[in-house]
Amino acid sequence: MPALCILALMLAGCNGGSASDQPTLSWSAPMTRADGSALRVGQIESFKIYYRLRHEQTFRLLGRQDSTVTRYRLPSLPPGAYEFAISTVDTEGLESRRSEPVSVDLI
Protein backbone atom coordinates (compact mmCIF):
# COMPACT_ATOMS: atom_id res chain seq x y z
CA MET A 1 0.00 0.00 0.00
CA PRO A 2 1.46 3.43 -0.92
CA ALA A 3 2.60 5.79 1.83
CA LEU A 4 0.13 8.31 3.18
CA CYS A 5 0.42 12.01 2.52
CA ILE A 6 1.57 14.32 5.27
CA LEU A 7 -0.99 16.70 6.76
CA ALA A 8 -0.78 20.44 7.22
CA LEU A 9 -1.19 21.32 10.87
CA MET A 10 -2.54 24.61 12.27
CA LEU A 11 -2.66 26.02 15.78
CA ALA A 12 -5.28 28.40 17.18
CA GLY A 13 -5.91 30.07 20.55
CA CYS A 14 -2.40 30.42 21.95
CA ASN A 15 -3.19 32.67 24.91
CA GLY A 16 -3.77 30.49 27.96
CA GLY A 17 -6.56 31.39 30.34
CA SER A 18 -10.03 30.02 29.94
CA ALA A 19 -10.66 26.60 28.38
CA SER A 20 -11.88 28.31 25.20
CA ASP A 21 -8.46 30.01 24.93
CA GLN A 22 -6.67 26.67 25.22
CA PRO A 23 -4.50 26.03 22.15
CA THR A 24 -6.21 23.76 19.63
CA LEU A 25 -4.55 21.91 16.77
CA SER A 26 -6.60 21.48 13.61
CA TRP A 27 -5.98 19.84 10.25
CA SER A 28 -7.65 18.58 7.10
CA ALA A 29 -7.66 14.90 6.23
CA PRO A 30 -5.41 14.12 3.24
CA MET A 31 -7.15 13.15 0.02
CA THR A 32 -4.16 11.42 -1.59
CA ARG A 33 -1.29 9.19 -0.67
CA ALA A 34 2.35 10.17 -1.24
CA ASP A 35 2.29 8.48 -4.67
CA GLY A 36 -0.76 10.54 -5.76
CA SER A 37 -3.30 7.71 -5.52
CA ALA A 38 -6.65 8.49 -3.89
CA LEU A 39 -7.11 8.15 -0.14
CA ARG A 40 -10.77 7.97 0.80
CA VAL A 41 -12.03 9.05 4.21
CA GLY A 42 -13.10 5.45 4.96
CA GLN A 43 -9.47 4.36 4.52
CA ILE A 44 -8.25 6.58 7.38
CA GLU A 45 -8.35 4.97 10.82
CA SER A 46 -6.93 7.76 12.96
CA PHE A 47 -4.56 10.68 13.37
CA LYS A 48 -1.65 10.64 15.83
CA ILE A 49 -0.58 13.84 17.54
CA TYR A 50 3.05 14.17 18.63
CA TYR A 51 4.89 16.77 20.70
CA ARG A 52 8.31 17.69 22.02
CA LEU A 53 10.00 20.57 23.74
CA ARG A 54 11.94 22.48 21.07
CA HIS A 55 15.31 21.60 22.60
CA GLU A 56 14.51 17.86 22.53
CA GLN A 57 15.38 15.56 19.63
CA THR A 58 12.54 13.06 19.98
CA PHE A 59 8.79 13.52 19.54
CA ARG A 60 6.46 11.75 21.97
CA LEU A 61 2.91 10.60 21.30
CA LEU A 62 0.46 13.05 22.88
CA GLY A 63 -2.81 11.56 21.68
CA ARG A 64 -4.76 9.82 18.98
CA GLN A 65 -7.92 11.08 17.27
CA ASP A 66 -10.58 9.11 15.45
CA SER A 67 -10.64 9.64 11.67
CA THR A 68 -13.78 11.76 11.93
CA VAL A 69 -12.14 14.33 14.25
CA THR A 70 -9.75 16.94 12.84
CA ARG A 71 -9.24 19.07 15.97
CA TYR A 72 -7.35 18.40 19.18
CA ARG A 73 -7.47 20.66 22.22
CA LEU A 74 -4.08 20.56 23.87
CA PRO A 75 -4.05 19.38 27.47
CA SER A 76 -2.48 21.53 30.18
CA LEU A 77 1.26 21.24 29.69
CA PRO A 78 4.03 22.79 31.77
CA PRO A 79 5.25 26.15 30.42
CA GLY A 80 7.77 25.79 27.62
CA ALA A 81 8.60 26.09 23.94
CA TYR A 82 6.84 23.18 22.20
CA GLU A 83 6.53 21.69 18.73
CA PHE A 84 3.55 19.61 17.61
CA ALA A 85 3.24 17.33 14.58
CA ILE A 86 0.62 14.92 13.26
CA SER A 87 0.49 11.76 11.17
CA THR A 88 -2.27 9.76 9.47
CA VAL A 89 -2.87 6.05 10.12
CA ASP A 90 -4.83 4.09 7.50
CA THR A 91 -7.05 1.06 8.05
CA GLU A 92 -4.14 -1.24 7.18
CA GLY A 93 -2.07 0.28 10.02
CA LEU A 94 0.26 2.23 7.71
CA GLU A 95 1.37 5.50 9.32
CA SER A 96 2.45 8.53 7.30
CA ARG A 97 5.49 10.62 8.05
CA ARG A 98 4.78 13.36 10.55
CA SER A 99 3.73 16.80 9.33
CA GLU A 100 6.01 19.78 9.55
CA PRO A 101 6.01 20.81 13.21
CA VAL A 102 3.99 23.77 14.50
CA SER A 103 5.71 25.77 17.26
CA VAL A 104 4.02 27.33 20.26
CA ASP A 105 5.30 28.91 23.46
CA LEU A 106 3.08 27.98 26.39
CA ILE A 107 3.26 30.28 29.39
C-alpha atoms as a PDB file:
ATOM      1  CA  MET A   1       0.000   0.000   0.000  1.00  0.00           C
ATOM      2  CA  PRO A   2       1.459   3.434  -0.920  1.00  0.00           C
ATOM      3  CA  ALA A   3       2.605   5.789   1.829  1.00  0.00           C
ATOM      4  CA  LEU A   4       0.126   8.309   3.182  1.00  0.00           C
ATOM      5  CA  CYS A   5       0.424  12.010   2.519  1.00  0.00           C
ATOM      6  CA  ILE A   6       1.567  14.325   5.266  1.00  0.00           C
ATOM      7  CA  LEU A   7      -0.987  16.702   6.758  1.00  0.00           C
ATOM      8  CA  ALA A   8      -0.776  20.440   7.224  1.00  0.00           C
ATOM      9  CA  LEU A   9      -1.190  21.324  10.872  1.00  0.00           C
ATOM     10  CA  MET A  10      -2.539  24.610  12.268  1.00  0.00           C
ATOM     11  CA  LEU A  11      -2.659  26.018  15.779  1.00  0.00           C
ATOM     12  CA  ALA A  12      -5.283  28.399  17.185  1.00  0.00           C
ATOM     13  CA  GLY A  13      -5.914  30.072  20.545  1.00  0.00           C
ATOM     14  CA  CYS A  14      -2.405  30.424  21.948  1.00  0.00           C
ATOM     15  CA  ASN A  15      -3.194  32.671  24.912  1.00  0.00           C
ATOM     16  CA  GLY A  16      -3.767  30.494  27.957  1.00  0.00           C
ATOM     17  CA  GLY A  17      -6.564  31.388  30.343  1.00  0.00           C
ATOM     18  CA  SER A  18     -10.033  30.017  29.936  1.00  0.00           C
ATOM     19  CA  ALA A  19     -10.664  26.597  28.378  1.00  0.00           C
ATOM     20  CA  SER A  20     -11.877  28.313  25.205  1.00  0.00           C
ATOM     21  CA  ASP A  21      -8.460  30.013  24.930  1.00  0.00           C
ATOM     22  CA  GLN A  22      -6.670  26.674  25.216  1.00  0.00           C
ATOM     23  CA  PRO A  23      -4.503  26.029  22.146  1.00  0.00           C
ATOM     24  CA  THR A  24      -6.209  23.756  19.633  1.00  0.00           C
ATOM     25  CA  LEU A  25      -4.551  21.908  16.770  1.00  0.00           C
ATOM     26  CA  SER A  26      -6.597  21.484  13.607  1.00  0.00           C
ATOM     27  CA  TRP A  27      -5.984  19.840  10.248  1.00  0.00           C
ATOM     28  CA  SER A  28      -7.653  18.577   7.098  1.00  0.00           C
ATOM     29  CA  ALA A  29      -7.664  14.896   6.230  1.00  0.00           C
ATOM     30  CA  PRO A  30      -5.408  14.116   3.244  1.00  0.00           C
ATOM     31  CA  MET A  31      -7.147  13.150   0.020  1.00  0.00           C
ATOM     32  CA  THR A  32      -4.158  11.422  -1.595  1.00  0.00           C
ATOM     33  CA  ARG A  33      -1.285   9.190  -0.671  1.00  0.00           C
ATOM     34  CA  ALA A  34       2.349  10.173  -1.239  1.00  0.00           C
ATOM     35  CA  ASP A  35       2.286   8.481  -4.671  1.00  0.00           C
ATOM     36  CA  GLY A  36      -0.757  10.543  -5.758  1.00  0.00           C
ATOM     37  CA  SER A  37      -3.295   7.712  -5.519  1.00  0.00           C
ATOM     38  CA  ALA A  38      -6.655   8.486  -3.891  1.00  0.00           C
ATOM     39  CA  LEU A  39      -7.108   8.151  -0.139  1.00  0.00           C
ATOM     40  CA  ARG A  40     -10.766   7.974   0.801  1.00  0.00           C
ATOM     41  CA  VAL A  41     -12.034   9.046   4.209  1.00  0.00           C
ATOM     42  CA  GLY A  42     -13.096   5.451   4.960  1.00  0.00           C
ATOM     43  CA  GLN A  43      -9.468   4.357   4.524  1.00  0.00           C
ATOM     44  CA  ILE A  44      -8.249   6.577   7.376  1.00  0.00           C
ATOM     45  CA  GLU A  45      -8.347   4.972  10.818  1.00  0.00           C
ATOM     46  CA  SER A  46      -6.930   7.764  12.959  1.00  0.00           C
ATOM     47  CA  PHE A  47      -4.564  10.676  13.374  1.00  0.00           C
ATOM     48  CA  LYS A  48      -1.647  10.640  15.828  1.00  0.00           C
ATOM     49  CA  ILE A  49      -0.577  13.844  17.545  1.00  0.00           C
ATOM     50  CA  TYR A  50       3.054  14.172  18.634  1.00  0.00           C
ATOM     51  CA  TYR A  51       4.888  16.773  20.703  1.00  0.00           C
ATOM     52  CA  ARG A  52       8.308  17.688  22.022  1.00  0.00           C
ATOM     53  CA  LEU A  53       9.996  20.570  23.740  1.00  0.00           C
ATOM     54  CA  ARG A  54      11.939  22.481  21.067  1.00  0.00           C
ATOM     55  CA  HIS A  55      15.307  21.599  22.597  1.00  0.00           C
ATOM     56  CA  GLU A  56      14.508  17.857  22.533  1.00  0.00           C
ATOM     57  CA  GLN A  57      15.381  15.555  19.627  1.00  0.00           C
ATOM     58  CA  THR A  58      12.541  13.058  19.978  1.00  0.00           C
ATOM     59  CA  PHE A  59       8.795  13.520  19.536  1.00  0.00           C
ATOM     60  CA  ARG A  60       6.464  11.747  21.968  1.00  0.00           C
ATOM     61  CA  LEU A  61       2.910  10.603  21.300  1.00  0.00           C
ATOM     62  CA  LEU A  62       0.460  13.050  22.876  1.00  0.00           C
ATOM     63  CA  GLY A  63      -2.807  11.557  21.678  1.00  0.00           C
ATOM     64  CA  ARG A  64      -4.764   9.824  18.977  1.00  0.00           C
ATOM     65  CA  GLN A  65      -7.919  11.080  17.273  1.00  0.00           C
ATOM     66  CA  ASP A  66     -10.585   9.110  15.455  1.00  0.00           C
ATOM     67  CA  SER A  67     -10.635   9.640  11.669  1.00  0.00           C
ATOM     68  CA  THR A  68     -13.783  11.763  11.930  1.00  0.00           C
ATOM     69  CA  VAL A  69     -12.144  14.328  14.247  1.00  0.00           C
ATOM     70  CA  THR A  70      -9.754  16.944  12.840  1.00  0.00           C
ATOM     71  CA  ARG A  71      -9.238  19.067  15.966  1.00  0.00           C
ATOM     72  CA  TYR A  72      -7.345  18.396  19.176  1.00  0.00           C
ATOM     73  CA  ARG A  73      -7.472  20.658  22.222  1.00  0.00           C
ATOM     74  CA  LEU A  74      -4.084  20.561  23.873  1.00  0.00           C
ATOM     75  CA  PRO A  75      -4.046  19.379  27.474  1.00  0.00           C
ATOM     76  CA  SER A  76      -2.476  21.530  30.178  1.00  0.00           C
ATOM     77  CA  LEU A  77       1.256  21.238  29.688  1.00  0.00           C
ATOM     78  CA  PRO A  78       4.034  22.789  31.767  1.00  0.00           C
ATOM     79  CA  PRO A  79       5.248  26.147  30.417  1.00  0.00           C
ATOM     80  CA  GLY A  80       7.774  25.794  27.622  1.00  0.00           C
ATOM     81  CA  ALA A  81       8.596  26.094  23.940  1.00  0.00           C
ATOM     82  CA  TYR A  82       6.844  23.176  22.197  1.00  0.00           C
ATOM     83  CA  GLU A  83       6.529  21.694  18.732  1.00  0.00           C
ATOM     84  CA  PHE A  84       3.553  19.614  17.612  1.00  0.00           C
ATOM     85  CA  ALA A  85       3.242  17.331  14.576  1.00  0.00           C
ATOM     86  CA  ILE A  86       0.623  14.924  13.256  1.00  0.00           C
ATOM     87  CA  SER A  87       0.494  11.761  11.166  1.00  0.00           C
ATOM     88  CA  THR A  88      -2.273   9.756   9.469  1.00  0.00           C
ATOM     89  CA  VAL A  89      -2.866   6.049  10.119  1.00  0.00           C
ATOM     90  CA  ASP A  90      -4.827   4.089   7.504  1.00  0.00           C
ATOM     91  CA  THR A  91      -7.052   1.057   8.051  1.00  0.00           C
ATOM     92  CA  GLU A  92      -4.137  -1.240   7.182  1.00  0.00           C
ATOM     93  CA  GLY A  93      -2.068   0.284  10.021  1.00  0.00           C
ATOM     94  CA  LEU A  94       0.257   2.227   7.705  1.00  0.00           C
ATOM     95  CA  GLU A  95       1.366   5.503   9.318  1.00  0.00           C
ATOM     96  CA  SER A  96       2.454   8.533   7.297  1.00  0.00           C
ATOM     97  CA  ARG A  97       5.492  10.616   8.055  1.00  0.00           C
ATOM     98  CA  ARG A  98       4.776  13.362  10.549  1.00  0.00           C
ATOM     99  CA  SER A  99       3.730  16.797   9.325  1.00  0.00           C
ATOM    100  CA  GLU A 100       6.007  19.783   9.549  1.00  0.00           C
ATOM    101  CA  PRO A 101       6.008  20.814  13.206  1.00  0.00           C
ATOM    102  CA  VAL A 102       3.994  23.766  14.495  1.00  0.00           C
ATOM    103  CA  SER A 103       5.708  25.767  17.257  1.00  0.00           C
ATOM    104  CA  VAL A 104       4.019  27.335  20.264  1.00  0.00           C
ATOM    105  CA  ASP A 105       5.296  28.909  23.460  1.00  0.00           C
ATOM    106  CA  LEU A 106       3.080  27.982  26.386  1.00  0.00           C
ATOM    107  CA  ILE A 107       3.256  30.282  29.390  1.00  0.00           C
END
